[in-house]
Amino acid sequence: MTTVDTDTQRKIANRLKRAQGQLGAVIAAVESGGDCRAVVTQLAAVTSALDKAGFQIIASAMKTCLEDPAQDDAVPLPDLEKLFLTLA
């Protein structure tokens, strides 16, 4: 991952940890035969959290690339486009 400030990195990690907890709840609900509506609702929340984390990672990379494209770990713009489209 490109260099991101510690606050952004912390926010991304927290979002992913929440998604991990939500996914654990989905797995537990499936294994225990939970209500399908509740499972799907929780699964949608996991998907949304993961998407938001992905977009935040890409936005950080875009910011780094645009601020200093010569930086060693800057992701080339065409690669950022591909990454962005994988989440769309």
PDB file of N, CA and C in Angstrom:
ATOM      1  N   MET A   1       0.853  -1.180   0.000  1.00  0.00           N
ATOM      2  CA  MET A   1       0.000   0.000   0.000  1.00  0.00           C
ATOM      3  C   MET A   1       0.889   1.229   0.000  1.00  0.00           C
ATOM      4  N   THR A   2       0.449   2.247  -0.709  1.00  0.00           N
ATOM      5  CA  THR A   2       1.228   3.469  -0.731  1.00  0.00           C
ATOM      6  C   THR A   2       1.236   4.082   0.656  1.00  0.00           C
ATOM      7  N   THR A   3       2.153   4.998   0.857  1.00  0.00           N
ATOM      8  CA  THR A   3       2.276   5.649   2.149  1.00  0.00           C
ATOM      9  C   THR A   3       1.025   6.470   2.439  1.00  0.00           C
ATOM     10  N   VAL A   4       0.410   6.210   3.586  1.00  0.00           N
ATOM     11  CA  VAL A   4      -0.757   6.988   4.000  1.00  0.00           C
ATOM     12  C   VAL A   4      -0.492   7.520   5.395  1.00  0.00           C
ATOM     13  N   ASP A   5      -1.143   8.614   5.728  1.00  0.00           N
ATOM     14  CA  ASP A   5      -0.946   9.157   7.061  1.00  0.00           C
ATOM     15  C   ASP A   5      -1.535   8.197   8.089  1.00  0.00           C
ATOM     16  N   THR A   6      -1.037   8.275   9.298  1.00  0.00           N
ATOM     17  CA  THR A   6      -1.422   7.311  10.327  1.00  0.00           C
ATOM     18  C   THR A   6      -2.905   7.403  10.674  1.00  0.00           C
ATOM     19  N   ASP A   7      -3.485   8.586  10.603  1.00  0.00           N
ATOM     20  CA  ASP A   7      -4.917   8.732  10.899  1.00  0.00           C
ATOM     21  C   ASP A   7      -5.756   7.977   9.869  1.00  0.00           C
ATOM     22  N   THR A   8      -5.412   8.135   8.591  1.00  0.00           N
ATOM     23  CA  THR A   8      -6.136   7.429   7.534  1.00  0.00           C
ATOM     24  C   THR A   8      -5.938   5.932   7.664  1.00  0.00           C
ATOM     25  N   GLN A   9      -4.712   5.519   7.941  1.00  0.00           N
ATOM     26  CA  GLN A   9      -4.411   4.099   8.115  1.00  0.00           C
ATOM     27  C   GLN A   9      -5.221   3.511   9.274  1.00  0.00           C
ATOM     28  N   ARG A  10      -5.335   4.266  10.366  1.00  0.00           N
ATOM     29  CA  ARG A  10      -6.103   3.817  11.530  1.00  0.00           C
ATOM     30  C   ARG A  10      -7.582   3.677  11.172  1.00  0.00           C
ATOM     31  N   LYS A  11      -8.112   4.649  10.421  1.00  0.00           N
ATOM     32  CA  LYS A  11      -9.521   4.595  10.021  1.00  0.00           C
ATOM     33  C   LYS A  11      -9.802   3.395   9.122  1.00  0.00           C
ATOM     34  N   ILE A  12      -8.888   3.129   8.194  1.00  0.00           N
ATOM     35  CA  ILE A  12      -9.059   1.976   7.301  1.00  0.00           C
ATOM     36  C   ILE A  12      -9.018   0.682   8.110  1.00  0.00           C
ATOM     37  N   ALA A  13      -8.044   0.571   8.999  1.00  0.00           N
ATOM     38  CA  ALA A  13      -7.918  -0.633   9.824  1.00  0.00           C
ATOM     39  C   ALA A  13      -9.160  -0.832  10.692  1.00  0.00           C
ATOM     40  N   ASN A  14      -9.677   0.244  11.278  1.00  0.00           N
ATOM     41  CA  ASN A  14     -10.886   0.139  12.109  1.00  0.00           C
ATOM     42  C   ASN A  14     -12.089  -0.328  11.289  1.00  0.00           C
ATOM     43  N   ARG A  15     -12.216   0.206  10.082  1.00  0.00           N
ATOM     44  CA  ARG A  15     -13.325  -0.191   9.210  1.00  0.00           C
ATOM     45  C   ARG A  15     -13.221  -1.681   8.871  1.00  0.00           C
ATOM     46  N   LEU A  16     -12.003  -2.139   8.579  1.00  0.00           N
ATOM     47  CA  LEU A  16     -11.798  -3.551   8.250  1.00  0.00           C
ATOM     48  C   LEU A  16     -12.039  -4.458   9.461  1.00  0.00           C
ATOM     49  N   LYS A  17     -11.675  -3.994  10.631  1.00  0.00           N
ATOM     50  CA  LYS A  17     -11.924  -4.775  11.851  1.00  0.00           C
ATOM     51  C   LYS A  17     -13.421  -4.894  12.123  1.00  0.00           C
ATOM     52  N   ARG A  18     -14.163  -3.807  11.878  1.00  0.00           N
ATOM     53  CA  ARG A  18     -15.618  -3.866  12.034  1.00  0.00           C
ATOM     54  C   ARG A  18     -16.214  -4.867  11.040  1.00  0.00           C
ATOM     55  N   ALA A  19     -15.722  -4.823   9.806  1.00  0.00           N
ATOM     56  CA  ALA A  19     -16.205  -5.760   8.792  1.00  0.00           C
ATOM     57  C   ALA A  19     -15.881  -7.190   9.195  1.00  0.00           C
ATOM     58  N   GLN A  20     -14.716  -7.392   9.767  1.00  0.00           N
ATOM     59  CA  GLN A  20     -14.327  -8.722  10.226  1.00  0.00           C
ATOM     60  C   GLN A  20     -15.286  -9.217  11.309  1.00  0.00           C
ATOM     61  N   GLY A  21     -15.647  -8.339  12.230  1.00  0.00           N
ATOM     62  CA  GLY A  21     -16.604  -8.703  13.272  1.00  0.00           C
ATOM     63  C   GLY A  21     -17.977  -9.005  12.698  1.00  0.00           C
ATOM     64  N   GLN A  22     -18.404  -8.195  11.734  1.00  0.00           N
ATOM     65  CA  GLN A  22     -19.693  -8.423  11.087  1.00  0.00           C
ATOM     66  C   GLN A  22     -19.688  -9.746  10.330  1.00  0.00           C
ATOM     67  N   LEU A  23     -18.575 -10.050   9.667  1.00  0.00           N
ATOM     68  CA  LEU A  23     -18.487 -11.302   8.932  1.00  0.00           C
ATOM     69  C   LEU A  23     -18.543 -12.488   9.888  1.00  0.00           C
ATOM     70  N   GLY A  24     -17.912 -12.372  11.031  1.00  0.00           N
ATOM     71  CA  GLY A  24     -17.998 -13.416  12.050  1.00  0.00           C
ATOM     72  C   GLY A  24     -19.442 -13.654  12.475  1.00  0.00           C
ATOM     73  N   ALA A  25     -20.199 -12.574  12.610  1.00  0.00           N
ATOM     74  CA  ALA A  25     -21.614 -12.691  12.977  1.00  0.00           C
ATOM     75  C   ALA A  25     -22.415 -13.371  11.866  1.00  0.00           C
ATOM     76  N   VAL A  26     -22.084 -13.066  10.607  1.00  0.00           N
ATOM     77  CA  VAL A  26     -22.761 -13.702   9.469  1.00  0.00           C
ATOM     78  C   VAL A  26     -22.481 -15.197   9.476  1.00  0.00           C
ATOM     79  N   ILE A  27     -21.221 -15.566   9.661  1.00  0.00           N
ATOM     80  CA  ILE A  27     -20.844 -16.983   9.678  1.00  0.00           C
ATOM     81  C   ILE A  27     -21.570 -17.709  10.804  1.00  0.00           C
ATOM     82  N   ALA A  28     -21.590 -17.103  11.988  1.00  0.00           N
ATOM     83  CA  ALA A  28     -22.275 -17.714  13.130  1.00  0.00           C
ATOM     84  C   ALA A  28     -23.765 -17.878  12.852  1.00  0.00           C
ATOM     85  N   ALA A  29     -24.371 -16.875  12.227  1.00  0.00           N
ATOM     86  CA  ALA A  29     -25.797 -16.945  11.921  1.00  0.00           C
ATOM     87  C   ALA A  29     -26.085 -18.039  10.900  1.00  0.00           C
ATOM     88  N   VAL A  30     -25.229 -18.168   9.903  1.00  0.00           N
ATOM     89  CA  VAL A  30     -25.420 -19.212   8.892  1.00  0.00           C
ATOM     90  C   VAL A  30     -25.273 -20.593   9.540  1.00  0.00           C
ATOM     91  N   GLU A  31     -24.245 -20.741  10.363  1.00  0.00           N
ATOM     92  CA  GLU A  31     -23.988 -22.037  11.007  1.00  0.00           C
ATOM     93  C   GLU A  31     -25.103 -22.429  11.970  1.00  0.00           C
ATOM     94  N   SER A  32     -25.760 -21.436  12.558  1.00  0.00           N
ATOM     95  CA  SER A  32     -26.831 -21.746  13.511  1.00  0.00           C
ATOM     96  C   SER A  32     -28.212 -21.717  12.871  1.00  0.00           C
ATOM     97  N   GLY A  33     -28.257 -21.525  11.553  1.00  0.00           N
ATOM     98  CA  GLY A  33     -29.544 -21.504  10.863  1.00  0.00           C
ATOM     99  C   GLY A  33     -30.331 -20.247  11.127  1.00  0.00           C
ATOM    100  N   GLY A  34     -29.657 -19.122  11.212  1.00  0.00           N
ATOM    101  CA  GLY A  34     -30.309 -17.846  11.491  1.00  0.00           C
ATOM    102  C   GLY A  34     -31.272 -17.418  10.395  1.00  0.00           C
ATOM    103  N   ASP A  35     -32.096 -16.451  10.736  1.00  0.00           N
ATOM    104  CA  ASP A  35     -33.081 -15.903   9.813  1.00  0.00           C
ATOM    105  C   ASP A  35     -32.382 -15.358   8.569  1.00  0.00           C
ATOM    106  N   CYS A  36     -32.857 -15.764   7.390  1.00  0.00           N
ATOM    107  CA  CYS A  36     -32.174 -15.383   6.147  1.00  0.00           C
ATOM    108  C   CYS A  36     -32.176 -13.875   5.931  1.00  0.00           C
ATOM    109  N   ARG A  37     -33.228 -13.188   6.333  1.00  0.00           N
ATOM    110  CA  ARG A  37     -33.254 -11.734   6.162  1.00  0.00           C
ATOM    111  C   ARG A  37     -32.176 -11.061   6.992  1.00  0.00           C
ATOM    112  N   ALA A  38     -32.021 -11.516   8.225  1.00  0.00           N
ATOM    113  CA  ALA A  38     -30.982 -10.952   9.097  1.00  0.00           C
ATOM    114  C   ALA A  38     -29.597 -11.253   8.545  1.00  0.00           C
ATOM    115  N   VAL A  39     -29.400 -12.465   8.026  1.00  0.00           N
ATOM    116  CA  VAL A  39     -28.104 -12.845   7.461  1.00  0.00           C
ATOM    117  C   VAL A  39     -27.782 -11.978   6.249  1.00  0.00           C
ATOM    118  N   VAL A  40     -28.746 -11.811   5.358  1.00  0.00           N
ATOM    119  CA  VAL A  40     -28.514 -11.010   4.152  1.00  0.00           C
ATOM    120  C   VAL A  40     -28.266  -9.550   4.516  1.00  0.00           C
ATOM    121  N   THR A  41     -28.998  -9.026   5.477  1.00  0.00           N
ATOM    122  CA  THR A  41     -28.798  -7.643   5.922  1.00  0.00           C
ATOM    123  C   THR A  41     -27.394  -7.462   6.486  1.00  0.00           C
ATOM    124  N   GLN A  42     -26.959  -8.410   7.309  1.00  0.00           N
ATOM    125  CA  GLN A  42     -25.622  -8.337   7.895  1.00  0.00           C
ATOM    126  C   GLN A  42     -24.547  -8.495   6.818  1.00  0.00           C
ATOM    127  N   LEU A  43     -24.799  -9.368   5.860  1.00  0.00           N
ATOM    128  CA  LEU A  43     -23.860  -9.575   4.754  1.00  0.00           C
ATOM    129  C   LEU A  43     -23.733  -8.301   3.908  1.00  0.00           C
ATOM    130  N   ALA A  44     -24.834  -7.621   3.707  1.00  0.00           N
ATOM    131  CA  ALA A  44     -24.804  -6.357   2.971  1.00  0.00           C
ATOM    132  C   ALA A  44     -23.965  -5.316   3.726  1.00  0.00           C
ATOM    133  N   ALA A  45     -24.059  -5.319   5.045  1.00  0.00           N
ATOM    134  CA  ALA A  45     -23.262  -4.389   5.853  1.00  0.00           C
ATOM    135  C   ALA A  45     -21.768  -4.703   5.719  1.00  0.00           C
ATOM    136  N   VAL A  46     -21.426  -5.992   5.694  1.00  0.00           N
ATOM    137  CA  VAL A  46     -20.030  -6.389   5.516  1.00  0.00           C
ATOM    138  C   VAL A  46     -19.526  -5.920   4.157  1.00  0.00           C
ATOM    139  N   THR A  47     -20.311  -6.163   3.125  1.00  0.00           N
ATOM    140  CA  THR A  47     -19.932  -5.769   1.766  1.00  0.00           C
ATOM    141  C   THR A  47     -19.714  -4.269   1.681  1.00  0.00           C
ATOM    142  N   SER A  48     -20.611  -3.517   2.261  1.00  0.00           N
ATOM    143  CA  SER A  48     -20.492  -2.055   2.242  1.00  0.00           C
ATOM    144  C   SER A  48     -19.236  -1.590   2.975  1.00  0.00           C
ATOM    145  N   ALA A  49     -18.961  -2.182   4.130  1.00  0.00           N
ATOM    146  CA  ALA A  49     -17.774  -1.802   4.899  1.00  0.00           C
ATOM    147  C   ALA A  49     -16.497  -2.106   4.122  1.00  0.00           C
ATOM    148  N   LEU A  50     -16.457  -3.249   3.460  1.00  0.00           N
ATOM    149  CA  LEU A  50     -15.283  -3.609   2.668  1.00  0.00           C
ATOM    150  C   LEU A  50     -15.117  -2.672   1.473  1.00  0.00           C
ATOM    151  N   ASP A  51     -16.226  -2.363   0.810  1.00  0.00           N
ATOM    152  CA  ASP A  51     -16.164  -1.432  -0.322  1.00  0.00           C
ATOM    153  C   ASP A  51     -15.641  -0.070   0.121  1.00  0.00           C
ATOM    154  N   LYS A  52     -16.146   0.426   1.235  1.00  0.00           N
ATOM    155  CA  LYS A  52     -15.711   1.732   1.724  1.00  0.00           C
ATOM    156  C   LYS A  52     -14.230   1.721   2.072  1.00  0.00           C
ATOM    157  N   ALA A  53     -13.758   0.640   2.674  1.00  0.00           N
ATOM    158  CA  ALA A  53     -12.335   0.541   2.991  1.00  0.00           C
ATOM    159  C   ALA A  53     -11.515   0.524   1.705  1.00  0.00           C
ATOM    160  N   GLY A  54     -11.969  -0.214   0.718  1.00  0.00           N
ATOM    161  CA  GLY A  54     -11.263  -0.261  -0.562  1.00  0.00           C
ATOM    162  C   GLY A  54     -11.198   1.092  -1.228  1.00  0.00           C
ATOM    163  N   PHE A  55     -12.313   1.810  -1.238  1.00  0.00           N
ATOM    164  CA  PHE A  55     -12.327   3.147  -1.833  1.00  0.00           C
ATOM    165  C   PHE A  55     -11.420   4.103  -1.062  1.00  0.00           C
ATOM    166  N   GLN A  56     -11.384   3.946   0.239  1.00  0.00           N
ATOM    167  CA  GLN A  56     -10.520   4.807   1.046  1.00  0.00           C
ATOM    168  C   GLN A  56      -9.044   4.525   0.746  1.00  0.00           C
ATOM    169  N   ILE A  57      -8.700   3.261   0.559  1.00  0.00           N
ATOM    170  CA  ILE A  57      -7.324   2.903   0.208  1.00  0.00           C
ATOM    171  C   ILE A  57      -6.965   3.499  -1.150  1.00  0.00           C
ATOM    172  N   ILE A  58      -7.861   3.354  -2.115  1.00  0.00           N
ATOM    173  CA  ILE A  58      -7.598   3.891  -3.450  1.00  0.00           C
ATOM    174  C   ILE A  58      -7.525   5.417  -3.418  1.00  0.00           C
ATOM    175  N   ALA A  59      -8.397   6.053  -2.659  1.00  0.00           N
ATOM    176  CA  ALA A  59      -8.367   7.521  -2.556  1.00  0.00           C
ATOM    177  C   ALA A  59      -7.040   7.987  -1.971  1.00  0.00           C
ATOM    178  N   SER A  60      -6.530   7.262  -0.986  1.00  0.00           N
ATOM    179  CA  SER A  60      -5.232   7.619  -0.405  1.00  0.00           C
ATOM    180  C   SER A  60      -4.125   7.472  -1.433  1.00  0.00           C
ATOM    181  N   ALA A  61      -4.194   6.400  -2.213  1.00  0.00           N
ATOM    182  CA  ALA A  61      -3.184   6.193  -3.254  1.00  0.00           C
ATOM    183  C   ALA A  61      -3.272   7.280  -4.308  1.00  0.00           C
ATOM    184  N   MET A  62      -4.488   7.682  -4.675  1.00  0.00           N
ATOM    185  CA  MET A  62      -4.665   8.744  -5.665  1.00  0.00           C
ATOM    186  C   MET A  62      -4.095  10.059  -5.148  1.00  0.00           C
ATOM    187  N   LYS A  63      -4.347  10.340  -3.891  1.00  0.00           N
ATOM    188  CA  LYS A  63      -3.842  11.578  -3.303  1.00  0.00           C
ATOM    189  C   LYS A  63      -2.318  11.578  -3.340  1.00  0.00           C
ATOM    190  N   THR A  64      -1.702  10.465  -2.962  1.00  0.00           N
ATOM    191  CA  THR A  64      -0.245  10.358  -2.987  1.00  0.00           C
ATOM    192  C   THR A  64       0.284  10.532  -4.402  1.00  0.00           C
ATOM    193  N   CYS A  65      -0.368   9.876  -5.344  1.00  0.00           N
ATOM    194  CA  CYS A  65       0.066   9.926  -6.745  1.00  0.00           C
ATOM    195  C   CYS A  65      -0.037  11.342  -7.300  1.00  0.00           C
ATOM    196  N   LEU A  66      -1.113  12.025  -6.976  1.00  0.00           N
ATOM    197  CA  LEU A  66      -1.320  13.369  -7.507  1.00  0.00           C
ATOM    198  C   LEU A  66      -0.427  14.404  -6.826  1.00  0.00           C
ATOM    199  N   GLU A  67      -0.143  14.195  -5.550  1.00  0.00           N
ATOM    200  CA  GLU A  67       0.709  15.141  -4.828  1.00  0.00           C
ATOM    201  C   GLU A  67       2.167  15.010  -5.243  1.00  0.00           C
ATOM    202  N   ASP A  68       2.623  13.759  -5.437  1.00  0.00           N
ATOM    203  CA  ASP A  68       4.031  13.525  -5.772  1.00  0.00           C
ATOM    204  C   ASP A  68       4.148  12.289  -6.653  1.00  0.00           C
ATOM    205  N   PRO A  69       3.885  12.445  -7.963  1.00  0.00           N
ATOM    206  CA  PRO A  69       3.919  11.288  -8.852  1.00  0.00           C
ATOM    207  C   PRO A  69       5.301  10.651  -8.977  1.00  0.00           C
ATOM    208  N   ALA A  70       6.352  11.360  -8.586  1.00  0.00           N
ATOM    209  CA  ALA A  70       7.702  10.812  -8.671  1.00  0.00           C
ATOM    210  C   ALA A  70       8.058   9.956  -7.459  1.00  0.00           C
ATOM    211  N   GLN A  71       7.197   9.931  -6.454  1.00  0.00           N
ATOM    212  CA  GLN A  71       7.455   9.149  -5.245  1.00  0.00           C
ATOM    213  C   GLN A  71       7.595   7.675  -5.614  1.00  0.00           C
ATOM    214  N   ASP A  72       8.526   6.991  -4.987  1.00  0.00           N
ATOM    215  CA  ASP A  72       8.840   5.598  -5.332  1.00  0.00           C
ATOM    216  C   ASP A  72       7.639   4.664  -5.247  1.00  0.00           C
ATOM    217  N   ASP A  73       6.790   4.840  -4.239  1.00  0.00           N
ATOM    218  CA  ASP A  73       5.670   3.913  -4.082  1.00  0.00           C
ATOM    219  C   ASP A  73       4.354   4.454  -4.637  1.00  0.00           C
ATOM    220  N   ALA A  74       4.416   5.533  -5.410  1.00  0.00           N
ATOM    221  CA  ALA A  74       3.202   6.086  -6.026  1.00  0.00           C
ATOM    222  C   ALA A  74       2.682   5.093  -7.067  1.00  0.00           C
ATOM    223  N   VAL A  75       1.393   4.832  -7.009  1.00  0.00           N
ATOM    224  CA  VAL A  75       0.760   3.902  -7.949  1.00  0.00           C
ATOM    225  C   VAL A  75       0.466   4.655  -9.241  1.00  0.00           C
ATOM    226  N   PRO A  76       0.881   4.111 -10.388  1.00  0.00           N
ATOM    227  CA  PRO A  76       0.592   4.791 -11.658  1.00  0.00           C
ATOM    228  C   PRO A  76      -0.912   4.969 -11.857  1.00  0.00           C
ATOM    229  N   LEU A  77      -1.291   6.085 -12.455  1.00  0.00           N
ATOM    230  CA  LEU A  77      -2.703   6.410 -12.649  1.00  0.00           C
ATOM    231  C   LEU A  77      -3.497   5.313 -13.351  1.00  0.00           C
ATOM    232  N   PRO A  78      -2.979   4.678 -14.426  1.00  0.00           N
ATOM    233  CA  PRO A  78      -3.751   3.603 -15.054  1.00  0.00           C
ATOM    234  C   PRO A  78      -4.028   2.436 -14.089  1.00  0.00           C
ATOM    235  N   ASP A  79      -3.070   2.154 -13.217  1.00  0.00           N
ATOM    236  CA  ASP A  79      -3.277   1.099 -12.221  1.00  0.00           C
ATOM    237  C   ASP A  79      -4.344   1.494 -11.211  1.00  0.00           C
ATOM    238  N   LEU A  80      -4.363   2.782 -10.830  1.00  0.00           N
ATOM    239  CA  LEU A  80      -5.400   3.266  -9.918  1.00  0.00           C
ATOM    240  C   LEU A  80      -6.781   3.137 -10.549  1.00  0.00           C
ATOM    241  N   GLU A  81      -6.868   3.447 -11.846  1.00  0.00           N
ATOM    242  CA  GLU A  81      -8.150   3.297 -12.552  1.00  0.00           C
ATOM    243  C   GLU A  81      -8.622   1.855 -12.487  1.00  0.00           C
ATOM    244  N   LYS A  82      -7.723   0.914 -12.747  1.00  0.00           N
ATOM    245  CA  LYS A  82      -8.089  -0.508 -12.709  1.00  0.00           C
ATOM    246  C   LYS A  82      -8.536  -0.916 -11.315  1.00  0.00           C
ATOM    247  N   LEU A  83      -7.804  -0.464 -10.301  1.00  0.00           N
ATOM    248  CA  LEU A  83      -8.184  -0.775  -8.921  1.00  0.00           C
ATOM    249  C   LEU A  83      -9.574  -0.219  -8.597  1.00  0.00           C
ATOM    250  N   PHE A  84      -9.789   1.020  -9.007  1.00  0.00           N
ATOM    251  CA  PHE A  84     -11.069   1.666  -8.735  1.00  0.00           C
ATOM    252  C   PHE A  84     -12.203   0.873  -9.396  1.00  0.00           C
ATOM    253  N   LEU A  85     -11.986   0.463 -10.639  1.00  0.00           N
ATOM    254  CA  LEU A  85     -13.027  -0.253 -11.372  1.00  0.00           C
ATOM    255  C   LEU A  85     -13.297  -1.644 -10.801  1.00  0.00           C
ATOM    256  N   THR A  86     -12.320  -2.243 -10.143  1.00  0.00           N
ATOM    257  CA  THR A  86     -12.570  -3.556  -9.530  1.00  0.00           C
ATOM    258  C   THR A  86     -13.568  -3.441  -8.385  1.00  0.00           C
ATOM    259  N   LEU A  87     -13.653  -2.274  -7.776  1.00  0.00           N
ATOM    260  CA  LEU A  87     -14.619  -2.067  -6.686  1.00  0.00           C
ATOM    261  C   LEU A  87     -15.969  -1.565  -7.166  1.00  0.00           C
ATOM    262  N   ALA A  88     -16.017  -1.068  -8.395  1.00  0.00           N
ATOM    263  CA  ALA A  88     -17.268  -0.494  -8.915  1.00  0.00           C
ATOM    264  C   ALA A  88     -18.254  -1.574  -9.297  1.00  0.00           C
TER     265      ALA A  88
END
